[in-house]
Protein backbone atom coordinates (compact mmCIF):
# COMPACT_ATOMS: atom_id res chain seq x y z
CA MET A 1 28.51 -95.82 117.33
CA LEU A 2 27.74 -96.06 113.68
CA LEU A 3 27.86 -92.13 113.50
CA GLY A 4 31.25 -92.47 114.97
CA PHE A 5 32.40 -95.16 112.80
CA VAL A 6 31.52 -93.18 109.79
CA ALA A 7 33.24 -89.77 111.02
CA VAL A 8 36.56 -91.91 111.53
CA PHE A 9 36.51 -93.55 108.06
CA SER A 10 35.52 -90.15 106.46
CA ARG A 11 38.89 -88.73 108.19
CA LEU A 12 40.85 -91.58 107.07
CA LEU A 13 39.70 -91.05 103.10
CA ASN A 14 40.68 -87.51 103.48
CA GLN A 15 43.90 -88.29 104.50
CA ILE A 16 44.48 -90.53 101.95
CA GLY A 17 43.26 -88.06 99.15
CA PRO A 18 41.16 -88.98 96.07
CA ALA A 19 41.90 -92.09 94.39
CA LYS A 20 44.12 -92.24 91.20
CA THR A 21 42.60 -92.92 87.85
CA VAL A 22 44.29 -95.66 85.86
CA THR A 23 43.83 -95.31 82.11
CA MET A 24 44.12 -98.58 80.07
CA LYS A 25 44.45 -97.69 76.09
CA LEU A 26 42.65 -100.67 74.17
CA THR A 27 43.52 -101.11 70.85
CA SER A 28 42.60 -103.63 68.01
CA GLY A 29 44.17 -106.80 67.00
CA MET A 30 45.19 -109.18 69.33
CA ASN A 31 46.00 -108.79 72.88
CA PRO A 32 49.36 -109.21 74.31
CA ASP A 33 48.35 -112.62 75.82
CA ARG A 34 46.53 -113.79 72.71
CA THR A 35 43.06 -114.47 74.65
CA TRP A 36 41.19 -111.51 73.07
CA ILE A 37 41.05 -110.39 69.28
CA SER A 38 39.80 -106.63 68.78
CA ASP A 39 38.11 -104.25 66.28
CA ASP A 40 37.99 -100.40 66.87
CA TRP A 41 35.08 -99.83 64.83
CA LYS A 42 35.70 -95.75 65.77
CA ASP A 43 37.53 -93.91 67.57
CA GLY A 44 36.26 -95.30 71.49
CA ILE A 45 34.36 -97.93 70.11
CA LEU A 46 35.98 -101.22 70.52
CA TRP A 47 34.24 -104.86 69.71
CA SER A 48 36.42 -107.88 70.97
CA ALA A 49 35.92 -111.59 70.98
CA LYS A 50 37.21 -114.08 73.39
CA ILE A 51 40.10 -116.43 71.73
CA THR A 52 40.98 -119.88 73.22
CA SER A 53 43.25 -121.01 70.82
CA THR A 54 45.11 -119.82 67.47
CA LEU A 55 44.94 -122.88 65.18
CA LEU A 56 47.19 -120.95 62.40
CA GLU A 57 49.61 -117.91 62.22
CA VAL A 58 51.71 -117.52 58.96
CA LYS A 59 53.17 -114.81 56.92
CA SER A 60 52.38 -114.88 53.49
CA GLN A 61 53.98 -112.50 50.89
CA PHE A 62 50.74 -110.24 51.26
CA GLN A 63 49.62 -110.25 54.75
CA LYS A 64 49.54 -111.78 58.02
CA VAL A 65 47.12 -114.78 58.07
CA GLN A 66 45.66 -116.46 61.10
CA VAL A 67 42.61 -118.99 61.98
CA VAL A 68 41.57 -118.25 65.87
CA GLN A 69 39.44 -120.50 67.62
CA SER A 70 36.57 -118.39 69.15
CA GLN A 71 34.49 -118.88 72.51
CA GLU A 72 31.23 -118.07 71.04
CA LEU A 73 31.60 -118.12 67.07
CA GLY A 74 33.69 -120.76 66.33
CA ARG A 75 36.91 -120.49 64.06
CA MET A 76 37.53 -117.05 62.82
CA LEU A 77 39.83 -116.06 59.70
CA LEU A 78 41.80 -113.22 60.49
CA LEU A 79 43.80 -110.86 58.03
CA ASP A 80 46.61 -108.36 59.44
CA GLU A 81 44.54 -109.40 62.83
CA ILE A 82 41.26 -107.94 61.21
CA ILE A 83 38.40 -110.53 61.54
CA GLN A 84 37.27 -111.35 57.94
CA CYS A 85 34.24 -113.79 58.68
CA SER A 86 33.70 -116.45 61.63
CA GLU A 87 31.70 -120.11 61.44
CA SER A 88 28.99 -118.84 63.18
CA ASP A 89 27.74 -115.98 61.00
CA GLU A 90 29.15 -116.02 57.61
CA ARG A 91 26.15 -117.32 55.67
CA GLY A 92 24.50 -114.56 56.76
CA TYR A 93 27.36 -112.71 54.34
CA HIS A 94 27.73 -115.01 51.36
CA GLU A 95 23.87 -116.26 51.10
CA MET A 96 22.95 -112.82 50.40
CA ILE A 97 25.94 -111.55 48.01
CA VAL A 98 25.53 -114.75 46.19
CA HIS A 99 21.72 -115.35 45.56
CA VAL A 100 20.63 -112.04 45.59
CA PRO A 101 22.18 -111.15 42.26
CA LEU A 102 21.59 -114.63 40.69
CA CYS A 103 17.82 -114.85 41.65
CA ARG A 104 16.83 -111.44 40.39
CA LYS A 105 14.04 -111.30 37.98
CA GLY A 106 16.79 -109.85 35.36
CA ALA A 107 19.25 -112.09 35.75
CA SER A 108 20.89 -113.81 32.79
CA LYS A 109 18.99 -116.71 31.66
CA HIS A 110 21.90 -118.38 29.87
CA PRO A 111 21.60 -122.37 30.21
CA LYS A 112 25.40 -122.42 30.92
CA LYS A 113 25.86 -119.51 33.16
CA ARG A 114 29.62 -118.00 34.42
CA ALA A 115 30.67 -116.88 37.67
CA LEU A 116 33.68 -114.85 38.76
CA ILE A 117 34.82 -114.37 42.60
CA ILE A 118 37.49 -111.78 43.06
CA GLY A 119 38.57 -112.36 46.84
CA GLY A 120 36.58 -114.38 48.92
CA GLY A 121 39.54 -116.68 49.87
CA ASP A 122 37.55 -118.22 52.90
CA GLY A 123 35.44 -120.09 50.10
CA GLY A 124 31.98 -118.89 51.39
CA ALA A 125 30.94 -117.52 48.18
CA ALA A 126 32.03 -120.18 45.51
CA ARG A 127 30.11 -122.79 48.04
CA GLU A 128 26.94 -120.61 47.72
CA ILE A 129 27.54 -120.62 43.68
CA LEU A 130 27.73 -124.17 43.70
CA ARG A 131 24.38 -124.40 44.67
CA HIS A 132 23.00 -123.29 41.46
CA ASP A 133 23.17 -126.21 39.04
CA ASP A 134 23.19 -124.23 35.71
CA ILE A 135 26.22 -122.33 36.62
CA SER A 136 28.93 -124.10 34.39
CA LEU A 137 32.08 -122.28 35.59
CA VAL A 138 33.41 -120.30 38.95
CA ASP A 139 36.49 -118.65 37.83
CA HIS A 140 37.90 -117.98 41.55
CA VAL A 141 40.45 -115.14 41.63
CA GLU A 142 42.16 -114.81 44.62
CA ILE A 143 45.81 -113.04 45.06
CA ASP A 144 46.84 -114.87 48.05
CA PRO A 145 47.41 -118.72 48.08
CA VAL A 146 48.03 -118.93 51.61
CA VAL A 147 44.61 -117.49 52.38
CA ILE A 148 43.20 -120.55 50.17
CA GLN A 149 45.22 -123.04 52.14
CA ALA A 150 44.17 -121.88 55.36
CA ALA A 151 40.47 -122.24 54.44
CA LYS A 152 41.05 -125.76 53.12
CA ASP A 153 42.85 -126.72 56.07
CA PHE A 154 41.02 -124.76 59.02
CA LEU A 155 37.88 -123.78 57.96
CA PRO A 156 35.59 -126.92 56.89
CA THR A 157 32.79 -125.91 57.51
CA ILE A 158 33.39 -123.09 54.79
CA TRP A 159 35.32 -124.66 52.27
CA ALA A 160 32.75 -127.19 51.88
CA HIS A 161 30.47 -128.46 49.24
CA PRO A 162 27.15 -127.45 49.51
CA TYR A 163 25.71 -130.99 48.79
CA ASN A 164 28.25 -133.48 47.82
CA HIS A 165 29.29 -135.72 50.65
CA ASP A 166 31.57 -138.83 50.94
CA ALA A 167 30.56 -142.26 52.24
CA SER A 168 30.26 -141.16 55.70
CA GLY A 169 28.46 -138.11 54.99
CA LYS A 170 31.02 -135.69 55.76
CA PRO A 171 31.05 -132.69 52.82
CA LEU A 172 33.60 -132.75 50.27
CA PRO A 173 36.32 -130.18 49.74
CA LEU A 174 35.09 -127.28 47.42
CA ASP A 175 37.57 -127.96 44.79
CA THR A 176 36.32 -131.28 44.35
CA ASP A 177 33.66 -129.54 41.95
CA LYS A 178 35.28 -129.46 38.71
CA ARG A 179 33.48 -126.25 38.26
CA LEU A 180 35.83 -124.28 40.55
CA ASN A 181 38.88 -122.96 38.65
CA VAL A 182 40.78 -121.23 41.50
CA MET A 183 43.63 -118.94 40.58
CA ASN A 184 46.24 -116.92 42.57
CA LEU A 185 46.44 -113.88 40.58
CA ASP A 186 46.18 -110.11 40.90
CA ALA A 187 42.38 -109.37 40.02
CA VAL A 188 43.06 -106.20 37.92
CA ASP A 189 45.70 -107.73 35.93
CA TYR A 190 43.33 -111.06 35.13
CA LEU A 191 40.33 -108.48 34.24
CA ARG A 192 42.96 -106.87 31.55
CA ALA A 193 43.73 -109.90 30.05
CA ASN A 194 40.46 -111.06 29.80
CA LYS A 195 39.18 -108.84 27.51
CA SER A 196 38.76 -111.32 24.77
CA GLN A 197 37.45 -113.96 26.79
CA GLU A 198 33.63 -115.11 27.46
CA ARG A 199 31.99 -112.81 29.53
CA TYR A 200 30.52 -113.57 32.77
CA ASP A 201 26.72 -113.66 34.06
CA LEU A 202 27.75 -113.15 37.80
CA ILE A 203 30.69 -111.34 39.23
CA ILE A 204 31.02 -111.12 42.73
CA VAL A 205 33.91 -108.78 44.53
CA ASP A 206 34.38 -110.00 48.05
CA ALA A 207 37.06 -107.17 48.96
CA SER A 208 38.83 -105.70 51.99
CA ASP A 209 38.36 -102.15 52.75
CA PRO A 210 40.14 -99.71 50.69
CA ILE A 211 43.73 -99.44 52.45
CA GLY A 212 47.28 -100.12 50.92
CA PRO A 213 47.17 -102.31 47.68
CA GLY A 214 43.00 -103.10 48.19
CA THR A 215 42.44 -99.55 46.87
CA ALA A 216 42.82 -100.92 43.56
CA LEU A 217 39.23 -102.68 43.74
CA TYR A 218 37.78 -99.65 44.19
CA THR A 219 38.73 -97.62 41.30
CA THR A 220 37.00 -96.41 38.10
CA GLU A 221 39.09 -98.56 35.90
CA PHE A 222 38.48 -101.78 37.93
CA TYR A 223 34.88 -100.89 37.94
CA THR A 224 35.00 -100.67 34.17
CA LEU A 225 36.57 -103.83 33.59
CA LEU A 226 33.72 -105.61 35.72
CA ARG A 227 31.53 -103.91 33.33
CA ASN A 228 33.17 -104.75 30.39
CA SER A 229 33.37 -108.66 31.27
CA LEU A 230 29.64 -109.21 31.84
CA ARG A 231 27.19 -110.39 29.73
CA ASP A 232 23.91 -109.23 28.98
CA GLY A 233 21.59 -110.06 32.12
CA GLY A 234 24.70 -110.33 34.33
CA ALA A 235 25.22 -108.42 37.72
CA VAL A 236 28.04 -107.41 39.93
CA SER A 237 27.84 -107.53 43.47
CA VAL A 238 30.28 -105.84 46.12
CA GLN A 239 30.99 -105.55 49.62
CA GLY A 240 29.76 -102.01 50.30
CA GLY A 241 30.61 -100.78 53.43
CA SER A 242 28.46 -99.96 56.26
CA PHE A 243 25.91 -97.13 56.08
CA PHE A 244 26.58 -96.05 59.59
CA TRP A 245 30.01 -97.15 60.83
CA LEU A 246 31.54 -96.87 57.37
CA SER A 247 29.57 -94.31 55.84
CA GLU A 248 32.48 -92.96 53.68
CA VAL A 249 33.13 -96.41 51.93
CA TYR A 250 29.90 -96.73 51.34
CA ASN A 251 28.96 -93.67 50.07
CA ALA A 252 32.33 -93.96 47.66
CA VAL A 253 31.30 -97.48 46.51
CA TYR A 254 28.09 -96.36 45.51
CA HIS A 255 29.16 -93.22 43.17
CA GLN A 256 32.21 -94.98 41.86
CA LEU A 257 29.80 -97.90 40.65
CA LYS A 258 27.26 -95.14 39.34
CA THR A 259 30.04 -93.56 37.07
CA VAL A 260 29.85 -96.80 35.04
CA PHE A 261 26.65 -98.98 35.76
CA PRO A 262 23.04 -97.55 34.73
CA VAL A 263 21.65 -99.26 38.25
CA VAL A 264 23.28 -99.83 41.16
CA LYS A 265 21.21 -100.54 44.77
CA PRO A 266 22.82 -100.84 48.00
CA TYR A 267 21.43 -103.48 50.22
CA THR A 268 22.02 -105.29 53.93
CA CYS A 269 22.90 -108.21 55.50
CA PHE A 270 23.54 -109.50 58.67
CA THR A 271 26.98 -110.51 60.20
CA ALA A 272 27.94 -110.85 63.46
CA VAL A 273 31.75 -109.87 63.00
CA TYR A 274 31.35 -106.41 60.64
CA PRO A 275 30.63 -103.35 62.66
CA GLY A 276 26.87 -103.45 63.94
CA GLY A 277 25.71 -106.55 62.44
CA VAL A 278 23.57 -104.76 59.67
CA TRP A 279 26.22 -104.47 56.99
CA ASN A 280 25.96 -103.26 53.27
CA LEU A 281 26.14 -105.16 50.05
CA GLN A 282 25.90 -103.32 46.60
CA ILE A 283 24.57 -104.88 43.08
CA ALA A 284 25.15 -103.21 39.87
CA THR A 285 23.00 -104.46 36.85
CA LEU A 286 23.04 -103.30 33.40
CA GLY A 287 19.76 -101.95 33.43
CA ASP A 288 17.40 -104.35 35.75
CA ASP A 289 16.10 -103.56 39.03
CA PRO A 290 17.44 -106.27 41.44
CA ALA A 291 15.42 -105.89 44.06
CA GLN A 292 12.65 -107.84 41.81
CA VAL A 293 12.84 -111.42 43.01
CA ASP A 294 12.63 -114.49 40.34
CA HIS A 295 10.48 -116.76 42.57
CA ASP A 296 10.91 -120.00 40.41
CA ARG A 297 14.99 -119.40 40.60
CA ALA A 298 15.00 -119.39 43.94
CA ALA A 299 13.14 -122.22 44.57
CA THR A 300 16.08 -124.29 42.55
CA ILE A 301 19.01 -123.03 45.10
CA LYS A 302 19.97 -126.71 45.61
CA VAL A 303 19.98 -127.15 49.58
CA GLN A 304 20.24 -130.02 52.09
CA PRO A 305 16.67 -131.03 52.70
CA LYS A 306 16.48 -130.98 56.39
CA THR A 307 19.19 -127.60 56.78
CA GLY A 308 18.22 -125.30 54.20
CA LEU A 309 19.67 -122.05 53.99
CA ASP A 310 20.41 -119.59 56.90
CA TRP A 311 19.39 -116.42 55.63
CA TYR A 312 18.42 -116.00 51.95
CA THR A 313 14.62 -116.33 51.27
CA THR A 314 12.71 -114.57 48.67
CA GLU A 315 11.30 -112.16 51.41
CA THR A 316 14.62 -111.35 52.53
CA HIS A 317 16.01 -110.51 49.07
CA ALA A 318 13.08 -107.86 48.86
CA ALA A 319 13.45 -106.68 52.46
CA ALA A 320 17.09 -106.10 51.96
CA PHE A 321 16.34 -103.12 49.78
CA ALA A 322 14.19 -101.21 51.79
CA LEU A 323 17.02 -99.04 53.45
CA PRO A 324 16.30 -96.61 56.24
CA PRO A 325 15.83 -92.63 55.19
CA TYR A 326 19.37 -92.37 57.19
CA ALA A 327 21.25 -95.07 54.79
CA LYS A 328 19.58 -92.66 51.51
CA ARG A 329 21.32 -89.65 53.08
CA MET A 330 24.72 -91.04 53.39
CA LEU A 331 24.51 -91.40 49.89
CA GLU A 332 23.98 -88.00 49.31
CA ALA A 333 27.46 -86.65 50.44
CA LYS A 334 30.03 -85.97 48.13
CA PRO A 335 32.24 -88.91 48.05
CA MET A 336 35.91 -88.60 49.01
CA THR A 337 38.82 -89.64 46.83
CA LEU A 338 40.27 -93.04 46.97
CA ALA A 339 43.22 -91.30 48.65
CA GLU A 340 41.39 -89.49 51.37
CA LEU A 341 39.43 -92.65 51.86
CA SER A 342 42.72 -94.98 52.64
CA LYS A 343 44.29 -92.07 54.86
CA LEU A 344 41.05 -91.91 56.85
CA LEU A 345 40.68 -95.99 57.27
CA SER A 346 44.53 -96.03 58.14
CA THR A 347 44.59 -93.67 60.69
């Protein structure tokens, strides 16, 4: 009986013919019903997160700015439908881009340090810098005021003072700290006009990828302006691509920095929403080795007693510079021009 059924079923399949294959193209950005946000890391590789609601969507002078609620990663900031950060993992990036340069042995010993943030409108870098009591001023240059306002209104866990609270115990907003000076300016114009001003002990460049107007933050002129704005013992820490997923950016940033600074070292951090989870930052100094840790300095980072930091320790500081051979080989290739890099990332 069973064999008879199999024979009949086989004849039916032959009559119907082979099943047709339906191909659905998956793309970056929001899907049509706005329930998923996707990022195409490479051709054929798509990372996606489920969205439960859109909290903000506005078109600024520069870009589309969105804040969405994700199912697993908390609230996320999107610029032109590209994920910039999420509440759940942003500390892995922000703690490492700030505390590594500030807690290296060769860091400035000036009692009233000055810091400059370029980009970083979500506020995470500013929050981490303000953990250091000897920072007397943080100039925050973010070209788009809409991004700053979005962070204030919808990202309270990021735009939050690291240790100052109101009477109910709720963290106060970052800009209640008088040391923070937010300016909505073009960073290159600001640095050109800043030649005669006092220099900085720390410069953080929390920039997007070199596409369109963002390419200005990857030029030799820009890096020269950064060096000229540093005080002795100062350092620049920048978003530096990925040695695996964005090796062209990783390579270009390294070689551009090397044309201006005597010491440049890539290092790693964790971020769930950037390709692969392991991301690269790069630090440039005026001579000291940034991998050497000042343990006494690290012990002064101001944290909440019960929570502390999520990612930075003196151990993760040192370990971040232990790059695999593959990452080192990626630096040996001839770097792309900015035009070539921008074209590659835009396709």
